[in-house]
């Protein structure tokens, strides 16, 4: 009956579903995921255990990144870290700013 109406449904063997928003991630663990195709339009139905994770406003910066920027720009590690944070993790932009370019 559903095929006559142009509806196809398939189960997807997913282990986790993550929906990313601008300020948080919505994590669905142990999901049951169904993909429904209605005349070429695909939709997904997800059922599972929902949790949320707030996103940090600061990017994660490794010590290696800080050392690289400090060496390339000829500045202290503290100045390098501040520039990396200012440029939201973009190392090249941080180096260029610190070098005055």
N, C-alpha and C. Protein backbone atom coordinates (compact mmCIF):
# COMPACT_ATOMS: atom_id res chain seq x y z
N UNK A 1 0.82 -1.19 0.00
CA UNK A 1 0.00 0.00 0.00
C UNK A 1 0.87 1.27 0.00
N UNK A 2 1.92 1.26 0.87
CA UNK A 2 2.79 2.44 0.94
C UNK A 2 3.54 2.64 -0.37
N UNK A 3 3.97 1.56 -1.00
CA UNK A 3 4.69 1.70 -2.28
C UNK A 3 3.79 2.27 -3.37
N UNK A 4 2.53 1.91 -3.36
CA UNK A 4 1.60 2.46 -4.34
C UNK A 4 1.46 3.97 -4.17
N UNK A 5 1.62 4.45 -2.93
CA UNK A 5 1.52 5.88 -2.65
C UNK A 5 2.86 6.57 -2.85
N UNK A 6 3.91 5.82 -3.23
CA UNK A 6 5.23 6.40 -3.45
C UNK A 6 6.03 6.59 -2.18
N UNK A 7 5.72 5.80 -1.15
CA UNK A 7 6.40 5.92 0.14
C UNK A 7 7.29 4.70 0.34
N UNK A 8 8.57 4.97 0.63
CA UNK A 8 9.51 3.89 0.94
C UNK A 8 10.13 4.19 2.30
N UNK A 9 10.31 3.13 3.10
CA UNK A 9 10.88 3.30 4.43
C UNK A 9 11.99 2.29 4.62
N UNK A 10 13.10 2.74 5.23
CA UNK A 10 14.23 1.86 5.50
C UNK A 10 14.76 2.17 6.89
N UNK A 11 15.17 1.13 7.60
CA UNK A 11 15.79 1.31 8.90
C UNK A 11 17.29 1.51 8.70
N UNK A 12 17.88 2.40 9.49
CA UNK A 12 19.31 2.68 9.42
C UNK A 12 19.94 2.18 10.72
N UNK A 13 20.99 1.37 10.59
CA UNK A 13 21.67 0.81 11.75
C UNK A 13 22.66 1.83 12.30
N UNK A 14 22.16 2.78 13.08
CA UNK A 14 22.99 3.85 13.63
C UNK A 14 23.34 3.54 15.08
N UNK A 15 24.50 4.01 15.52
CA UNK A 15 24.91 3.83 16.91
C UNK A 15 24.75 5.10 17.72
N UNK A 16 24.76 6.26 17.04
CA UNK A 16 24.60 7.55 17.71
C UNK A 16 24.22 8.58 16.66
N UNK A 17 23.38 9.55 17.05
CA UNK A 17 23.00 10.65 16.17
C UNK A 17 23.34 11.94 16.90
N UNK A 18 24.04 12.84 16.20
CA UNK A 18 24.40 14.13 16.80
C UNK A 18 23.82 15.24 15.92
N UNK A 19 23.05 16.10 16.56
CA UNK A 19 22.50 17.27 15.88
C UNK A 19 23.24 18.48 16.43
N UNK A 20 23.95 19.19 15.55
CA UNK A 20 24.76 20.33 15.97
C UNK A 20 23.99 21.62 15.75
N UNK A 21 23.91 22.43 16.80
CA UNK A 21 23.33 23.76 16.68
C UNK A 21 24.43 24.77 16.99
N UNK A 22 24.13 26.05 16.93
CA UNK A 22 25.16 27.06 17.15
C UNK A 22 25.67 27.10 18.58
N UNK A 23 24.87 26.63 19.54
CA UNK A 23 25.32 26.72 20.93
C UNK A 23 25.37 25.39 21.69
N UNK A 24 24.91 24.31 21.05
CA UNK A 24 24.94 23.02 21.74
C UNK A 24 24.86 21.87 20.73
N UNK A 25 25.21 20.69 21.21
CA UNK A 25 25.02 19.46 20.45
C UNK A 25 23.91 18.67 21.12
N UNK A 26 23.01 18.12 20.33
CA UNK A 26 21.97 17.23 20.85
C UNK A 26 22.41 15.82 20.45
N UNK A 27 22.63 14.97 21.46
CA UNK A 27 23.15 13.63 21.22
C UNK A 27 22.05 12.62 21.50
N UNK A 28 21.81 11.76 20.53
CA UNK A 28 20.80 10.70 20.69
C UNK A 28 21.54 9.38 20.66
N UNK A 29 21.60 8.73 21.82
CA UNK A 29 22.29 7.44 21.90
C UNK A 29 21.27 6.31 21.82
N UNK A 30 21.75 5.14 21.42
CA UNK A 30 20.89 3.97 21.19
C UNK A 30 19.70 4.33 20.30
N UNK A 31 19.96 4.96 19.16
CA UNK A 31 18.84 5.43 18.33
C UNK A 31 18.22 4.33 17.48
N UNK A 32 16.96 4.54 17.20
CA UNK A 32 16.26 3.77 16.17
C UNK A 32 15.98 4.81 15.08
N UNK A 33 16.61 4.64 13.92
CA UNK A 33 16.51 5.64 12.87
C UNK A 33 15.79 5.04 11.66
N UNK A 34 14.77 5.72 11.21
CA UNK A 34 14.03 5.32 10.02
C UNK A 34 14.16 6.41 8.97
N UNK A 35 14.50 6.01 7.74
CA UNK A 35 14.55 6.96 6.63
C UNK A 35 13.31 6.72 5.79
N UNK A 36 12.55 7.78 5.59
CA UNK A 36 11.31 7.69 4.83
C UNK A 36 11.46 8.54 3.57
N UNK A 37 11.18 7.94 2.42
CA UNK A 37 11.25 8.64 1.14
C UNK A 37 9.83 8.73 0.59
N UNK A 38 9.34 9.95 0.48
CA UNK A 38 8.01 10.19 -0.07
C UNK A 38 8.17 10.99 -1.34
N UNK A 39 8.05 10.31 -2.46
CA UNK A 39 8.13 10.94 -3.77
C UNK A 39 9.40 11.78 -3.92
N UNK A 40 10.55 11.23 -3.50
CA UNK A 40 11.82 11.90 -3.66
C UNK A 40 12.25 12.77 -2.49
N UNK A 41 11.34 13.02 -1.56
CA UNK A 41 11.65 13.84 -0.38
C UNK A 41 12.01 12.91 0.77
N UNK A 42 13.28 12.99 1.23
CA UNK A 42 13.73 12.12 2.31
C UNK A 42 13.57 12.82 3.67
N UNK A 43 13.02 12.07 4.62
CA UNK A 43 12.94 12.54 6.00
C UNK A 43 13.44 11.43 6.91
N UNK A 44 13.86 11.81 8.11
CA UNK A 44 14.37 10.85 9.07
C UNK A 44 13.57 10.95 10.36
N UNK A 45 13.27 9.80 10.93
CA UNK A 45 12.61 9.74 12.22
C UNK A 45 13.58 9.07 13.18
N UNK A 46 13.83 9.73 14.31
CA UNK A 46 14.83 9.25 15.26
C UNK A 46 14.19 9.13 16.64
N UNK A 47 14.38 7.97 17.26
CA UNK A 47 13.91 7.72 18.61
C UNK A 47 15.09 7.18 19.40
N UNK A 48 15.30 7.69 20.62
CA UNK A 48 16.41 7.20 21.43
C UNK A 48 16.57 8.01 22.70
N UNK A 49 17.70 7.81 23.37
CA UNK A 49 18.01 8.52 24.61
C UNK A 49 18.68 9.85 24.27
N UNK A 50 18.04 10.95 24.65
CA UNK A 50 18.51 12.29 24.27
C UNK A 50 19.27 12.94 25.42
N UNK A 51 20.41 13.53 25.06
CA UNK A 51 21.16 14.36 26.01
C UNK A 51 21.70 15.55 25.24
N UNK A 52 22.07 16.60 25.98
CA UNK A 52 22.60 17.81 25.34
C UNK A 52 23.96 18.12 25.90
N UNK A 53 24.78 18.73 25.05
CA UNK A 53 26.13 19.14 25.46
C UNK A 53 26.32 20.59 24.99
N UNK A 54 26.55 21.49 25.95
CA UNK A 54 26.81 22.89 25.60
C UNK A 54 28.18 23.00 24.96
N UNK A 55 28.29 23.86 23.97
CA UNK A 55 29.56 24.07 23.29
C UNK A 55 30.35 25.15 24.00
N UNK A 56 31.64 24.94 24.06
CA UNK A 56 32.53 25.93 24.65
C UNK A 56 32.66 27.10 23.69
N UNK A 57 32.72 28.28 24.24
CA UNK A 57 32.87 29.46 23.38
C UNK A 57 34.31 29.63 22.90
N UNK A 58 35.24 28.95 23.56
CA UNK A 58 36.64 29.04 23.16
C UNK A 58 37.04 27.76 22.44
N UNK A 59 37.81 27.89 21.35
CA UNK A 59 38.28 26.69 20.67
C UNK A 59 39.34 25.99 21.52
N UNK A 60 39.45 24.68 21.34
CA UNK A 60 40.49 23.94 22.04
C UNK A 60 41.82 24.23 21.36
N UNK A 61 42.81 24.59 22.15
CA UNK A 61 44.12 24.93 21.61
C UNK A 61 45.15 24.01 22.23
N UNK A 62 45.87 23.31 21.40
CA UNK A 62 46.90 22.40 21.91
C UNK A 62 48.18 23.17 22.22
N UNK A 63 48.98 22.60 23.09
CA UNK A 63 50.28 23.20 23.41
C UNK A 63 51.15 23.28 22.17
N UNK A 64 51.02 22.28 21.30
CA UNK A 64 51.80 22.26 20.06
C UNK A 64 51.43 23.46 19.17
N UNK A 65 50.12 23.77 19.09
CA UNK A 65 49.68 24.93 18.30
C UNK A 65 50.26 26.23 18.87
N UNK A 66 50.22 26.35 20.19
CA UNK A 66 50.74 27.56 20.84
C UNK A 66 52.23 27.71 20.54
N UNK A 67 52.99 26.61 20.68
CA UNK A 67 54.43 26.66 20.43
C UNK A 67 54.73 26.99 18.97
N UNK A 68 53.94 26.42 18.06
CA UNK A 68 54.15 26.69 16.63
C UNK A 68 53.95 28.16 16.33
N UNK A 69 52.86 28.75 16.81
CA UNK A 69 52.58 30.16 16.56
C UNK A 69 53.65 31.03 17.21
N UNK A 70 54.04 30.70 18.44
CA UNK A 70 55.06 31.49 19.14
C UNK A 70 56.37 31.47 18.36
N UNK A 71 56.78 30.31 17.88
CA UNK A 71 58.04 30.20 17.12
C UNK A 71 57.96 30.92 15.80
N UNK A 72 56.87 30.73 15.07
CA UNK A 72 56.72 31.35 13.75
C UNK A 72 56.65 32.88 13.82
N UNK A 73 56.00 33.39 14.88
CA UNK A 73 55.82 34.84 15.00
C UNK A 73 56.90 35.50 15.85
N UNK A 74 57.69 34.68 16.54
CA UNK A 74 58.74 35.25 17.39
C UNK A 74 58.20 35.96 18.62
N UNK A 75 57.16 35.38 19.22
CA UNK A 75 56.55 35.99 20.41
C UNK A 75 56.48 34.97 21.54
N UNK A 76 56.04 35.42 22.71
CA UNK A 76 55.89 34.52 23.85
C UNK A 76 54.70 33.58 23.62
N UNK A 77 54.69 32.49 24.37
CA UNK A 77 53.58 31.54 24.25
C UNK A 77 52.27 32.18 24.70
N UNK A 78 52.31 33.05 25.70
CA UNK A 78 51.10 33.73 26.17
C UNK A 78 50.52 34.63 25.06
N UNK A 79 51.37 35.36 24.37
CA UNK A 79 50.91 36.22 23.26
C UNK A 79 50.36 35.37 22.12
N UNK A 80 51.01 34.24 21.88
CA UNK A 80 50.54 33.33 20.83
C UNK A 80 49.16 32.79 21.17
N UNK A 81 48.96 32.38 22.42
CA UNK A 81 47.66 31.84 22.84
C UNK A 81 46.57 32.89 22.70
N UNK A 82 46.84 34.13 23.11
CA UNK A 82 45.85 35.20 22.99
C UNK A 82 45.46 35.44 21.53
N UNK A 83 46.46 35.42 20.65
CA UNK A 83 46.19 35.64 19.22
C UNK A 83 45.38 34.49 18.63
N UNK A 84 45.70 33.27 19.04
CA UNK A 84 44.94 32.10 18.54
C UNK A 84 43.49 32.20 18.99
N UNK A 85 43.26 32.55 20.26
CA UNK A 85 41.89 32.71 20.75
C UNK A 85 41.15 33.81 20.01
N UNK A 86 41.85 34.93 19.77
CA UNK A 86 41.25 36.05 19.05
C UNK A 86 40.79 35.63 17.66
N UNK A 87 41.58 34.77 17.02
CA UNK A 87 41.26 34.32 15.66
C UNK A 87 40.54 32.98 15.64
N UNK A 88 39.96 32.62 16.79
CA UNK A 88 39.11 31.43 16.91
C UNK A 88 39.79 30.17 16.40
N UNK A 89 41.06 30.01 16.73
CA UNK A 89 41.77 28.79 16.38
C UNK A 89 42.47 28.81 15.04
N UNK A 90 42.37 29.90 14.29
CA UNK A 90 43.02 30.00 12.97
C UNK A 90 44.49 30.39 13.18
N UNK A 91 45.37 29.40 13.09
CA UNK A 91 46.79 29.62 13.37
C UNK A 91 47.44 30.59 12.39
N UNK A 92 47.12 30.45 11.12
CA UNK A 92 47.73 31.30 10.11
C UNK A 92 47.40 32.78 10.35
N UNK A 93 46.14 33.06 10.66
CA UNK A 93 45.74 34.45 10.93
C UNK A 93 46.42 34.98 12.18
N UNK A 94 46.56 34.12 13.19
CA UNK A 94 47.24 34.54 14.41
C UNK A 94 48.69 34.90 14.13
N UNK A 95 49.37 34.07 13.34
CA UNK A 95 50.78 34.33 13.00
C UNK A 95 50.91 35.63 12.21
N UNK A 96 50.04 35.80 11.22
CA UNK A 96 50.11 37.01 10.40
C UNK A 96 49.89 38.26 11.24
N UNK A 97 48.94 38.21 12.15
CA UNK A 97 48.71 39.38 13.00
C UNK A 97 49.91 39.67 13.88
N UNK A 98 50.45 38.65 14.49
CA UNK A 98 51.58 38.84 15.39
C UNK A 98 52.83 39.34 14.67
N UNK A 99 52.96 38.97 13.40
CA UNK A 99 54.09 39.45 12.61
C UNK A 99 53.83 40.82 12.01
N UNK A 100 52.61 41.33 12.21
CA UNK A 100 52.27 42.65 11.71
C UNK A 100 51.95 42.66 10.22
N UNK A 101 51.55 41.55 9.69
CA UNK A 101 51.23 41.48 8.25
C UNK A 101 49.73 41.54 8.02
